[in-house]
Amino acid sequence: MSFADQLLTEDMEPLRTRLLHHPLWEHIIDGTLEVERLRLFALQDWWLVRQAYRLDALAIASVSDLDVQELLISKLTPKVGGPALLLRFGEALGLTREDFDTVEPLAGCMALTTFFYWMLAYGSIGEKLAAVGASEDIFIQICARVKPALIQHYQLNPEQVEFFTAHDAIGERVGPIDAALLQRYATPTERQAITRAVRLSHEFELMFYDTILAAAIDRV
């Protein structure tokens, strides 16, 4: 079962399939994605990942219910250390810390980031949770697909791809928290709002991956 399936009022499987089997990931799986484009993914994902703590903190600050705050805090804790793992992955591909510090977002990356912040500023509690949670859930599934290929085709070792492995553990701890949180927002109106947030989250994430695949790259 995928994120919030029990609450959604639309079938999200076609969108999820497009995300899971996006050409970006399929090229990694068959070993045909250029290393330069893999570096581009690492940099663009860094732009997004370094917002993660701030996004969770804003979600915590936006609610007054102490039980919900505590659940959100427990959802943040498993993610601690994730940015460092992404840096390690990028360095294994030949990127430097300066590359990460000076990254400029592509349009799709900025669009997804802005969507998250917009939902946190203007969405209902259910929408806030769904917008970020849907993205986290689908990326956990993506990581499980591409990690073996990164080792097989790009001569990386398990430690260098731990950023992708770590998402399995995050999913195991965060999934039940998401389910407990979303059950609090299950009226028909809230379910429609959550469904819209999940759909938009997936659509913006598709845009993010499309942008990476379409961008011009410098071959070194």
C-alpha atoms as a PDB file:
ATOM      1  CA  MET A   1       0.000   0.000   0.000  1.00  0.00           C
ATOM      2  CA  SER A   2       1.297   3.450  -0.929  1.00  0.00           C
ATOM      3  CA  PHE A   3       0.975   6.754   0.867  1.00  0.00           C
ATOM      4  CA  ALA A   4      -2.552   7.635   2.093  1.00  0.00           C
ATOM      5  CA  ASP A   5      -4.221   5.049  -0.173  1.00  0.00           C
ATOM      6  CA  GLN A   6      -7.003   4.541   2.346  1.00  0.00           C
ATOM      7  CA  LEU A   7      -7.926   8.246   2.174  1.00  0.00           C
ATOM      8  CA  LEU A   8      -7.492   9.122  -1.494  1.00  0.00           C
ATOM      9  CA  THR A   9     -10.519   9.787  -3.651  1.00  0.00           C
ATOM     10  CA  GLU A  10      -8.621   9.266  -6.934  1.00  0.00           C
ATOM     11  CA  ASP A  11      -6.483   6.436  -8.302  1.00  0.00           C
ATOM     12  CA  MET A  12      -2.873   7.629  -8.069  1.00  0.00           C
ATOM     13  CA  GLU A  13      -1.351   4.439  -9.445  1.00  0.00           C
ATOM     14  CA  PRO A  14      -0.783   5.809 -12.988  1.00  0.00           C
ATOM     15  CA  LEU A  15       1.124   8.803 -11.596  1.00  0.00           C
ATOM     16  CA  ARG A  16       3.134   6.621  -9.233  1.00  0.00           C
ATOM     17  CA  THR A  17       4.021   4.258 -12.065  1.00  0.00           C
ATOM     18  CA  ARG A  18       5.290   7.194 -14.136  1.00  0.00           C
ATOM     19  CA  LEU A  19       7.450   8.305 -11.212  1.00  0.00           C
ATOM     20  CA  LEU A  20       8.815   4.855 -10.410  1.00  0.00           C
ATOM     21  CA  HIS A  21       9.614   4.130 -14.046  1.00  0.00           C
ATOM     22  CA  HIS A  22      10.657   7.613 -15.094  1.00  0.00           C
ATOM     23  CA  PRO A  23      13.326   7.510 -17.834  1.00  0.00           C
ATOM     24  CA  LEU A  24      15.817   9.066 -15.395  1.00  0.00           C
ATOM     25  CA  TRP A  25      15.624   5.948 -13.218  1.00  0.00           C
ATOM     26  CA  GLU A  26      15.324   3.521 -16.108  1.00  0.00           C
ATOM     27  CA  HIS A  27      18.583   4.857 -17.579  1.00  0.00           C
ATOM     28  CA  ILE A  28      20.293   4.354 -14.223  1.00  0.00           C
ATOM     29  CA  ILE A  29      18.929   0.820 -13.975  1.00  0.00           C
ATOM     30  CA  ASP A  30      20.264  -0.140 -17.406  1.00  0.00           C
ATOM     31  CA  GLY A  31      23.526   1.775 -16.881  1.00  0.00           C
ATOM     32  CA  THR A  32      23.052   4.261 -19.720  1.00  0.00           C
ATOM     33  CA  LEU A  33      22.632   7.469 -17.723  1.00  0.00           C
ATOM     34  CA  GLU A  34      25.675   9.698 -18.110  1.00  0.00           C
ATOM     35  CA  VAL A  35      27.726  10.214 -14.957  1.00  0.00           C
ATOM     36  CA  GLU A  36      27.449  13.951 -15.603  1.00  0.00           C
ATOM     37  CA  ARG A  37      23.667  13.741 -15.405  1.00  0.00           C
ATOM     38  CA  LEU A  38      23.887  11.629 -12.271  1.00  0.00           C
ATOM     39  CA  ARG A  39      25.997  14.422 -10.772  1.00  0.00           C
ATOM     40  CA  LEU A  40      23.311  16.888 -11.817  1.00  0.00           C
ATOM     41  CA  PHE A  41      20.700  14.818  -9.993  1.00  0.00           C
ATOM     42  CA  ALA A  42      22.842  14.783  -6.841  1.00  0.00           C
ATOM     43  CA  LEU A  43      23.210  18.563  -6.932  1.00  0.00           C
ATOM     44  CA  GLN A  44      19.550  19.259  -7.612  1.00  0.00           C
ATOM     45  CA  ASP A  45      18.431  16.804  -4.963  1.00  0.00           C
ATOM     46  CA  TRP A  46      20.823  18.512  -2.545  1.00  0.00           C
ATOM     47  CA  TRP A  47      18.991  21.789  -3.157  1.00  0.00           C
ATOM     48  CA  LEU A  48      15.790  20.021  -2.124  1.00  0.00           C
ATOM     49  CA  VAL A  49      17.150  17.798   0.664  1.00  0.00           C
ATOM     50  CA  ARG A  50      18.747  20.694   2.486  1.00  0.00           C
ATOM     51  CA  GLN A  51      15.257  22.146   2.875  1.00  0.00           C
ATOM     52  CA  ALA A  52      13.999  19.009   4.650  1.00  0.00           C
ATOM     53  CA  TYR A  53      14.641  20.063   8.248  1.00  0.00           C
ATOM     54  CA  ARG A  54      13.158  23.495   7.608  1.00  0.00           C
ATOM     55  CA  LEU A  55      10.058  22.014   5.976  1.00  0.00           C
ATOM     56  CA  ASP A  56       9.471  19.685   8.909  1.00  0.00           C
ATOM     57  CA  ALA A  57      10.105  22.488  11.398  1.00  0.00           C
ATOM     58  CA  LEU A  58       7.544  24.686   9.655  1.00  0.00           C
ATOM     59  CA  ALA A  59       5.013  21.859   9.739  1.00  0.00           C
ATOM     60  CA  ILE A  60       5.599  21.431  13.475  1.00  0.00           C
ATOM     61  CA  ALA A  61       5.262  25.170  14.076  1.00  0.00           C
ATOM     62  CA  SER A  62       2.035  25.366  12.076  1.00  0.00           C
ATOM     63  CA  VAL A  63      -0.003  23.115  14.379  1.00  0.00           C
ATOM     64  CA  SER A  64      -1.205  23.798  17.911  1.00  0.00           C
ATOM     65  CA  ASP A  65      -2.196  20.243  18.860  1.00  0.00           C
ATOM     66  CA  LEU A  66       0.599  18.901  21.091  1.00  0.00           C
ATOM     67  CA  ASP A  67      -0.026  15.276  20.105  1.00  0.00           C
ATOM     68  CA  VAL A  68       0.352  16.181  16.418  1.00  0.00           C
ATOM     69  CA  GLN A  69       3.480  18.205  17.176  1.00  0.00           C
ATOM     70  CA  GLU A  70       5.035  15.213  18.918  1.00  0.00           C
ATOM     71  CA  LEU A  71       4.181  12.927  16.001  1.00  0.00           C
ATOM     72  CA  LEU A  72       5.757  15.412  13.589  1.00  0.00           C
ATOM     73  CA  ILE A  73       8.884  15.649  15.741  1.00  0.00           C
ATOM     74  CA  SER A  74       9.179  11.859  15.749  1.00  0.00           C
ATOM     75  CA  LYS A  75       8.852  11.962  11.954  1.00  0.00           C
ATOM     76  CA  LEU A  76      11.780  14.381  11.657  1.00  0.00           C
ATOM     77  CA  THR A  77      14.214  12.424  13.831  1.00  0.00           C
ATOM     78  CA  PRO A  78      14.848   9.490  11.403  1.00  0.00           C
ATOM     79  CA  LYS A  79      15.882  11.946   8.676  1.00  0.00           C
ATOM     80  CA  VAL A  80      18.796  13.389  10.650  1.00  0.00           C
ATOM     81  CA  GLY A  81      22.036  12.679   8.796  1.00  0.00           C
ATOM     82  CA  GLY A  82      20.442  12.383   5.357  1.00  0.00           C
ATOM     83  CA  PRO A  83      22.137  15.460   3.851  1.00  0.00           C
ATOM     84  CA  ALA A  84      25.582  14.139   4.826  1.00  0.00           C
ATOM     85  CA  LEU A  85      24.842  10.864   3.036  1.00  0.00           C
ATOM     86  CA  LEU A  86      23.882  12.747  -0.133  1.00  0.00           C
ATOM     87  CA  LEU A  87      27.153  14.680   0.053  1.00  0.00           C
ATOM     88  CA  ARG A  88      29.029  11.380   0.284  1.00  0.00           C
ATOM     89  CA  PHE A  89      27.204  10.089  -2.795  1.00  0.00           C
ATOM     90  CA  GLY A  90      28.050  13.239  -4.744  1.00  0.00           C
ATOM     91  CA  GLU A  91      31.690  13.141  -3.723  1.00  0.00           C
ATOM     92  CA  ALA A  92      31.875   9.540  -4.961  1.00  0.00           C
ATOM     93  CA  LEU A  93      30.768  10.868  -8.355  1.00  0.00           C
ATOM     94  CA  GLY A  94      33.520  13.501  -8.354  1.00  0.00           C
ATOM     95  CA  LEU A  95      31.627  16.489  -6.968  1.00  0.00           C
ATOM     96  CA  THR A  96      33.159  18.825  -4.385  1.00  0.00           C
ATOM     97  CA  ARG A  97      31.618  20.546  -1.389  1.00  0.00           C
ATOM     98  CA  GLU A  98      31.943  23.803  -3.314  1.00  0.00           C
ATOM     99  CA  ASP A  99      29.798  22.286  -6.099  1.00  0.00           C
ATOM    100  CA  PHE A 100      27.064  21.634  -3.549  1.00  0.00           C
ATOM    101  CA  ASP A 101      27.421  24.998  -1.831  1.00  0.00           C
ATOM    102  CA  THR A 102      27.059  26.893  -5.109  1.00  0.00           C
ATOM    103  CA  VAL A 103      24.307  24.826  -6.764  1.00  0.00           C
ATOM    104  CA  GLU A 104      21.616  26.727  -8.648  1.00  0.00           C
ATOM    105  CA  PRO A 105      18.188  25.089  -8.921  1.00  0.00           C
ATOM    106  CA  LEU A 106      16.710  24.074 -12.238  1.00  0.00           C
ATOM    107  CA  ALA A 107      13.110  25.107 -12.865  1.00  0.00           C
ATOM    108  CA  GLY A 108      11.629  21.737 -11.924  1.00  0.00           C
ATOM    109  CA  CYS A 109      13.600  21.619  -8.688  1.00  0.00           C
ATOM    110  CA  MET A 110      12.527  25.127  -7.738  1.00  0.00           C
ATOM    111  CA  ALA A 111       8.913  24.343  -8.657  1.00  0.00           C
ATOM    112  CA  LEU A 112       8.805  21.303  -6.349  1.00  0.00           C
ATOM    113  CA  THR A 113      10.478  23.223  -3.518  1.00  0.00           C
ATOM    114  CA  THR A 114       8.072  26.142  -3.917  1.00  0.00           C
ATOM    115  CA  PHE A 115       5.095  23.786  -3.936  1.00  0.00           C
ATOM    116  CA  PHE A 116       6.138  22.371  -0.554  1.00  0.00           C
ATOM    117  CA  TYR A 117       6.526  25.836   0.951  1.00  0.00           C
ATOM    118  CA  TRP A 118       3.214  27.000  -0.533  1.00  0.00           C
ATOM    119  CA  MET A 119       1.402  24.047   0.995  1.00  0.00           C
ATOM    120  CA  LEU A 120       3.018  24.710   4.373  1.00  0.00           C
ATOM    121  CA  ALA A 121       1.984  28.352   4.201  1.00  0.00           C
ATOM    122  CA  TYR A 122      -1.552  28.000   2.860  1.00  0.00           C
ATOM    123  CA  GLY A 123      -2.668  24.360   2.998  1.00  0.00           C
ATOM    124  CA  SER A 124      -4.738  22.616   5.631  1.00  0.00           C
ATOM    125  CA  ILE A 125      -2.949  20.378   8.134  1.00  0.00           C
ATOM    126  CA  GLY A 126      -3.833  17.336   6.056  1.00  0.00           C
ATOM    127  CA  GLU A 127      -2.543  18.969   2.884  1.00  0.00           C
ATOM    128  CA  LYS A 128       0.729  19.955   4.562  1.00  0.00           C
ATOM    129  CA  LEU A 129       1.321  16.374   5.653  1.00  0.00           C
ATOM    130  CA  ALA A 130       0.276  14.887   2.318  1.00  0.00           C
ATOM    131  CA  ALA A 131       2.322  17.199   0.087  1.00  0.00           C
ATOM    132  CA  VAL A 132       5.658  16.235   1.648  1.00  0.00           C
ATOM    133  CA  GLY A 133       4.713  12.728   2.756  1.00  0.00           C
ATOM    134  CA  ALA A 134       3.669  11.600  -0.726  1.00  0.00           C
ATOM    135  CA  SER A 135       7.010  12.727  -2.130  1.00  0.00           C
ATOM    136  CA  GLU A 136       8.950  10.960   0.618  1.00  0.00           C
ATOM    137  CA  ASP A 137       6.990   7.747   0.102  1.00  0.00           C
ATOM    138  CA  ILE A 138       7.524   7.527  -3.652  1.00  0.00           C
ATOM    139  CA  PHE A 139      11.219   8.384  -3.351  1.00  0.00           C
ATOM    140  CA  ILE A 140      11.706   5.547  -0.855  1.00  0.00           C
ATOM    141  CA  GLN A 141      10.329   3.192  -3.516  1.00  0.00           C
ATOM    142  CA  ILE A 142      12.556   4.743  -6.186  1.00  0.00           C
ATOM    143  CA  CYS A 143      15.645   4.320  -4.000  1.00  0.00           C
ATOM    144  CA  ALA A 144      14.942   0.606  -3.614  1.00  0.00           C
ATOM    145  CA  ARG A 145      14.873   0.262  -7.418  1.00  0.00           C
ATOM    146  CA  VAL A 146      18.019   2.210  -8.316  1.00  0.00           C
ATOM    147  CA  LYS A 147      20.447   1.390  -5.498  1.00  0.00           C
ATOM    148  CA  PRO A 148      21.573  -2.009  -6.906  1.00  0.00           C
ATOM    149  CA  ALA A 149      22.145  -0.434 -10.333  1.00  0.00           C
ATOM    150  CA  LEU A 150      24.298   2.335  -8.871  1.00  0.00           C
ATOM    151  CA  ILE A 151      26.608  -0.314  -7.432  1.00  0.00           C
ATOM    152  CA  GLN A 152      26.542  -2.511 -10.537  1.00  0.00           C
ATOM    153  CA  HIS A 153      26.940   0.077 -13.282  1.00  0.00           C
ATOM    154  CA  TYR A 154      28.682   3.035 -11.651  1.00  0.00           C
ATOM    155  CA  GLN A 155      31.316   1.229  -9.564  1.00  0.00           C
ATOM    156  CA  LEU A 156      30.032   2.651  -6.294  1.00  0.00           C
ATOM    157  CA  ASN A 157      30.240   0.760  -3.020  1.00  0.00           C
ATOM    158  CA  PRO A 158      27.428   0.296  -0.473  1.00  0.00           C
ATOM    159  CA  GLU A 159      28.763   3.063   1.751  1.00  0.00           C
ATOM    160  CA  GLN A 160      28.721   5.539  -1.132  1.00  0.00           C
ATOM    161  CA  VAL A 161      25.066   4.781  -1.928  1.00  0.00           C
ATOM    162  CA  GLU A 162      23.927   4.744   1.699  1.00  0.00           C
ATOM    163  CA  PHE A 163      21.789   7.805   0.958  1.00  0.00           C
ATOM    164  CA  PHE A 164      19.521   5.458  -0.997  1.00  0.00           C
ATOM    165  CA  THR A 165      19.705   2.592   1.515  1.00  0.00           C
ATOM    166  CA  ALA A 166      18.846   4.914   4.416  1.00  0.00           C
ATOM    167  CA  HIS A 167      15.468   5.678   2.883  1.00  0.00           C
ATOM    168  CA  ASP A 168      14.345   2.103   3.612  1.00  0.00           C
ATOM    169  CA  ALA A 169      14.884   2.674   7.327  1.00  0.00           C
ATOM    170  CA  ILE A 170      13.265   6.103   7.134  1.00  0.00           C
ATOM    171  CA  GLY A 171      10.220   4.585   5.456  1.00  0.00           C
ATOM    172  CA  GLU A 172       9.851   1.904   8.115  1.00  0.00           C
ATOM    173  CA  ARG A 173       9.795   4.534  10.865  1.00  0.00           C
ATOM    174  CA  VAL A 174       7.952   7.359   9.104  1.00  0.00           C
ATOM    175  CA  GLY A 175       5.214   5.348   7.358  1.00  0.00           C
ATOM    176  CA  PRO A 176       3.268   4.436  10.521  1.00  0.00           C
ATOM    177  CA  ILE A 177       3.582   8.029  11.771  1.00  0.00           C
ATOM    178  CA  ASP A 178       2.118   9.372   8.528  1.00  0.00           C
ATOM    179  CA  ALA A 179      -0.770   6.903   8.773  1.00  0.00           C
ATOM    180  CA  ALA A 180      -1.496   7.936  12.374  1.00  0.00           C
ATOM    181  CA  LEU A 181      -1.390  11.617  11.465  1.00  0.00           C
ATOM    182  CA  LEU A 182      -3.585  11.393   8.390  1.00  0.00           C
ATOM    183  CA  GLN A 183      -6.302   9.413  10.172  1.00  0.00           C
ATOM    184  CA  ARG A 184      -7.016  12.607  12.084  1.00  0.00           C
ATOM    185  CA  TYR A 185      -8.059  14.323   8.852  1.00  0.00           C
ATOM    186  CA  ALA A 186     -10.474  11.890   7.211  1.00  0.00           C
ATOM    187  CA  THR A 187     -13.669  13.870   6.582  1.00  0.00           C
ATOM    188  CA  PRO A 188     -14.891  13.895   2.957  1.00  0.00           C
ATOM    189  CA  THR A 189     -13.694  17.486   2.480  1.00  0.00           C
ATOM    190  CA  GLU A 190     -10.298  16.750   3.994  1.00  0.00           C
ATOM    191  CA  ARG A 191      -9.915  13.596   1.907  1.00  0.00           C
ATOM    192  CA  GLN A 192     -10.463  15.615  -1.276  1.00  0.00           C
ATOM    193  CA  ALA A 193      -7.891  18.183  -0.162  1.00  0.00           C
ATOM    194  CA  ILE A 194      -5.370  15.454   0.714  1.00  0.00           C
ATOM    195  CA  THR A 195      -5.970  13.810  -2.663  1.00  0.00           C
ATOM    196  CA  ARG A 196      -5.270  17.072  -4.475  1.00  0.00           C
ATOM    197  CA  ALA A 197      -2.081  17.575  -2.453  1.00  0.00           C
ATOM    198  CA  VAL A 198      -0.830  14.076  -3.287  1.00  0.00           C
ATOM    199  CA  ARG A 199      -1.638  14.499  -6.980  1.00  0.00           C
ATOM    200  CA  LEU A 200       0.132  17.852  -7.182  1.00  0.00           C
ATOM    201  CA  SER A 201       3.111  16.504  -5.235  1.00  0.00           C
ATOM    202  CA  HIS A 202       3.528  13.678  -7.751  1.00  0.00           C
ATOM    203  CA  GLU A 203       3.054  16.011 -10.731  1.00  0.00           C
ATOM    204  CA  PHE A 204       5.634  18.480  -9.466  1.00  0.00           C
ATOM    205  CA  GLU A 205       8.047  15.626  -8.761  1.00  0.00           C
ATOM    206  CA  LEU A 206       7.626  14.422 -12.343  1.00  0.00           C
ATOM    207  CA  MET A 207       8.504  17.946 -13.461  1.00  0.00           C
ATOM    208  CA  PHE A 208      11.622  17.804 -11.281  1.00  0.00           C
ATOM    209  CA  TYR A 209      12.853  14.587 -12.924  1.00  0.00           C
ATOM    210  CA  ASP A 210      11.893  15.796 -16.409  1.00  0.00           C
ATOM    211  CA  THR A 211      14.001  18.913 -15.885  1.00  0.00           C
ATOM    212  CA  ILE A 212      17.050  16.901 -14.858  1.00  0.00           C
ATOM    213  CA  LEU A 213      16.733  14.649 -17.871  1.00  0.00           C
ATOM    214  CA  ALA A 214      16.237  17.544 -20.297  1.00  0.00           C
ATOM    215  CA  ALA A 215      18.978  19.835 -18.978  1.00  0.00           C
ATOM    216  CA  ALA A 216      22.142  20.439 -20.954  1.00  0.00           C
ATOM    217  CA  ILE A 217      25.174  18.937 -19.222  1.00  0.00           C
ATOM    218  CA  ASP A 218      28.885  19.622 -19.428  1.00  0.00           C
ATOM    219  CA  ARG A 219      30.788  16.481 -20.325  1.00  0.00           C
ATOM    220  CA  VAL A 220      34.102  16.206 -18.525  1.00  0.00           C
END
